[in-house]
């Protein structure tokens, strides 16, 4: 029973760590996008190298470190401060 529990915990830990973006991906520059006048702007969260935490901005683009929710940004990019 203990061995089974240890195996399940190990598998869960591996799965959790594989789900995150690498620090290099999180710290990748957020691309500047020129949005067409009819483009839908949406609020996204991204990991900022300047503040070392997840920040909010309006964007029409997509990127590896663009997240719909702040909690998703913080869980995928746990490399900085969580405020």
C-alpha atoms as a PDB file:
ATOM      1  CA  UNK A   1       0.000   0.000   0.000  1.00  0.00           C
ATOM      2  CA  UNK A   2       2.790   2.447   0.887  1.00  0.00           C
ATOM      3  CA  UNK A   3       4.632   1.620  -2.336  1.00  0.00           C
ATOM      4  CA  UNK A   4       1.498   2.334  -4.351  1.00  0.00           C
ATOM      5  CA  UNK A   5       0.990   5.661  -2.607  1.00  0.00           C
ATOM      6  CA  UNK A   6       4.633   6.638  -3.178  1.00  0.00           C
ATOM      7  CA  UNK A   7       4.350   5.693  -6.866  1.00  0.00           C
ATOM      8  CA  UNK A   8       1.184   7.768  -7.287  1.00  0.00           C
ATOM      9  CA  UNK A   9       2.804  10.785  -5.594  1.00  0.00           C
ATOM     10  CA  UNK A  10       5.890  10.443  -7.794  1.00  0.00           C
ATOM     11  CA  UNK A  11       3.821  10.255 -10.983  1.00  0.00           C
ATOM     12  CA  UNK A  12       1.762  13.275  -9.895  1.00  0.00           C
ATOM     13  CA  UNK A  13       4.934  15.281  -9.178  1.00  0.00           C
ATOM     14  CA  UNK A  14       6.420  14.417 -12.582  1.00  0.00           C
ATOM     15  CA  UNK A  15       3.177  15.305 -14.371  1.00  0.00           C
ATOM     16  CA  UNK A  16       2.960  18.614 -12.480  1.00  0.00           C
ATOM     17  CA  UNK A  17       6.526  19.616 -13.319  1.00  0.00           C
ATOM     18  CA  UNK A  18       6.135  18.667 -16.990  1.00  0.00           C
ATOM     19  CA  UNK A  19       3.057  20.881 -17.319  1.00  0.00           C
ATOM     20  CA  UNK A  20       4.939  24.107 -16.616  1.00  0.00           C
ATOM     21  CA  UNK A  21       6.700  26.218 -19.196  1.00  0.00           C
ATOM     22  CA  UNK A  22      10.466  26.396 -18.925  1.00  0.00           C
ATOM     23  CA  UNK A  23      11.934  29.533 -17.389  1.00  0.00           C
ATOM     24  CA  UNK A  24      13.337  30.423 -20.816  1.00  0.00           C
ATOM     25  CA  UNK A  25       9.837  30.221 -22.351  1.00  0.00           C
ATOM     26  CA  UNK A  26       8.342  32.337 -19.560  1.00  0.00           C
ATOM     27  CA  UNK A  27      11.067  34.951 -19.877  1.00  0.00           C
ATOM     28  CA  UNK A  28      10.800  35.114 -23.674  1.00  0.00           C
ATOM     29  CA  UNK A  29      10.087  38.651 -24.892  1.00  0.00           C
ATOM     30  CA  UNK A  30       6.409  39.400 -25.324  1.00  0.00           C
ATOM     31  CA  UNK A  31       6.005  40.204 -29.014  1.00  0.00           C
ATOM     32  CA  UNK A  32       4.669  43.638 -29.880  1.00  0.00           C
ATOM     33  CA  UNK A  33       1.607  43.309 -32.051  1.00  0.00           C
ATOM     34  CA  UNK A  34       0.034  45.866 -34.307  1.00  0.00           C
ATOM     35  CA  UNK A  35      -3.675  45.236 -34.127  1.00  0.00           C
ATOM     36  CA  UNK A  36      -6.025  46.078 -36.953  1.00  0.00           C
ATOM     37  CA  UNK A  37      -8.700  48.602 -36.042  1.00  0.00           C
ATOM     38  CA  UNK A  38     -11.375  45.886 -36.178  1.00  0.00           C
ATOM     39  CA  UNK A  39      -9.314  43.360 -34.169  1.00  0.00           C
ATOM     40  CA  UNK A  40     -10.697  42.106 -30.893  1.00  0.00           C
ATOM     41  CA  UNK A  41      -8.493  43.226 -28.028  1.00  0.00           C
ATOM     42  CA  UNK A  42      -8.490  40.981 -24.998  1.00  0.00           C
ATOM     43  CA  UNK A  43      -6.884  41.145 -21.594  1.00  0.00           C
ATOM     44  CA  UNK A  44      -4.027  38.671 -21.247  1.00  0.00           C
ATOM     45  CA  UNK A  45      -1.433  37.988 -18.579  1.00  0.00           C
ATOM     46  CA  UNK A  46       2.251  37.452 -19.327  1.00  0.00           C
ATOM     47  CA  UNK A  47       5.414  36.946 -17.291  1.00  0.00           C
ATOM     48  CA  UNK A  48       7.328  40.239 -17.161  1.00  0.00           C
ATOM     49  CA  UNK A  49      11.105  40.253 -16.862  1.00  0.00           C
ATOM     50  CA  UNK A  50      10.958  43.844 -15.611  1.00  0.00           C
ATOM     51  CA  UNK A  51       8.789  43.144 -12.571  1.00  0.00           C
ATOM     52  CA  UNK A  52       9.553  39.405 -12.257  1.00  0.00           C
ATOM     53  CA  UNK A  53       5.829  38.594 -11.968  1.00  0.00           C
ATOM     54  CA  UNK A  54       2.737  38.093 -14.106  1.00  0.00           C
ATOM     55  CA  UNK A  55       1.373  41.342 -15.534  1.00  0.00           C
ATOM     56  CA  UNK A  56      -1.810  42.308 -17.393  1.00  0.00           C
ATOM     57  CA  UNK A  57      -2.036  43.910 -20.839  1.00  0.00           C
ATOM     58  CA  UNK A  58      -4.391  44.260 -23.797  1.00  0.00           C
ATOM     59  CA  UNK A  59      -3.427  42.256 -26.867  1.00  0.00           C
ATOM     60  CA  UNK A  60      -4.801  40.885 -30.106  1.00  0.00           C
ATOM     61  CA  UNK A  61      -1.882  38.498 -30.586  1.00  0.00           C
ATOM     62  CA  UNK A  62      -0.890  35.137 -29.197  1.00  0.00           C
ATOM     63  CA  UNK A  63       2.317  33.975 -27.591  1.00  0.00           C
ATOM     64  CA  UNK A  64       3.793  31.127 -25.615  1.00  0.00           C
ATOM     65  CA  UNK A  65       3.594  33.184 -22.436  1.00  0.00           C
ATOM     66  CA  UNK A  66       0.137  34.720 -22.991  1.00  0.00           C
ATOM     67  CA  UNK A  67      -2.460  33.499 -20.500  1.00  0.00           C
ATOM     68  CA  UNK A  68      -6.174  34.173 -20.144  1.00  0.00           C
ATOM     69  CA  UNK A  69      -6.024  34.161 -16.327  1.00  0.00           C
ATOM     70  CA  UNK A  70      -3.436  35.416 -13.839  1.00  0.00           C
ATOM     71  CA  UNK A  71      -3.544  32.131 -11.891  1.00  0.00           C
ATOM     72  CA  UNK A  72      -2.614  30.226 -15.066  1.00  0.00           C
ATOM     73  CA  UNK A  73       0.334  32.558 -15.640  1.00  0.00           C
ATOM     74  CA  UNK A  74       1.514  32.107 -12.058  1.00  0.00           C
ATOM     75  CA  UNK A  75       1.222  28.319 -12.163  1.00  0.00           C
ATOM     76  CA  UNK A  76       2.910  27.986 -15.574  1.00  0.00           C
ATOM     77  CA  UNK A  77       5.640  30.531 -14.745  1.00  0.00           C
ATOM     78  CA  UNK A  78       6.453  30.154 -11.022  1.00  0.00           C
ATOM     79  CA  UNK A  79       9.882  31.757 -11.442  1.00  0.00           C
ATOM     80  CA  UNK A  80       9.179  35.191 -10.009  1.00  0.00           C
ATOM     81  CA  UNK A  81       7.103  36.895  -7.336  1.00  0.00           C
ATOM     82  CA  UNK A  82       3.445  36.069  -6.774  1.00  0.00           C
ATOM     83  CA  UNK A  83       1.659  39.239  -5.703  1.00  0.00           C
END
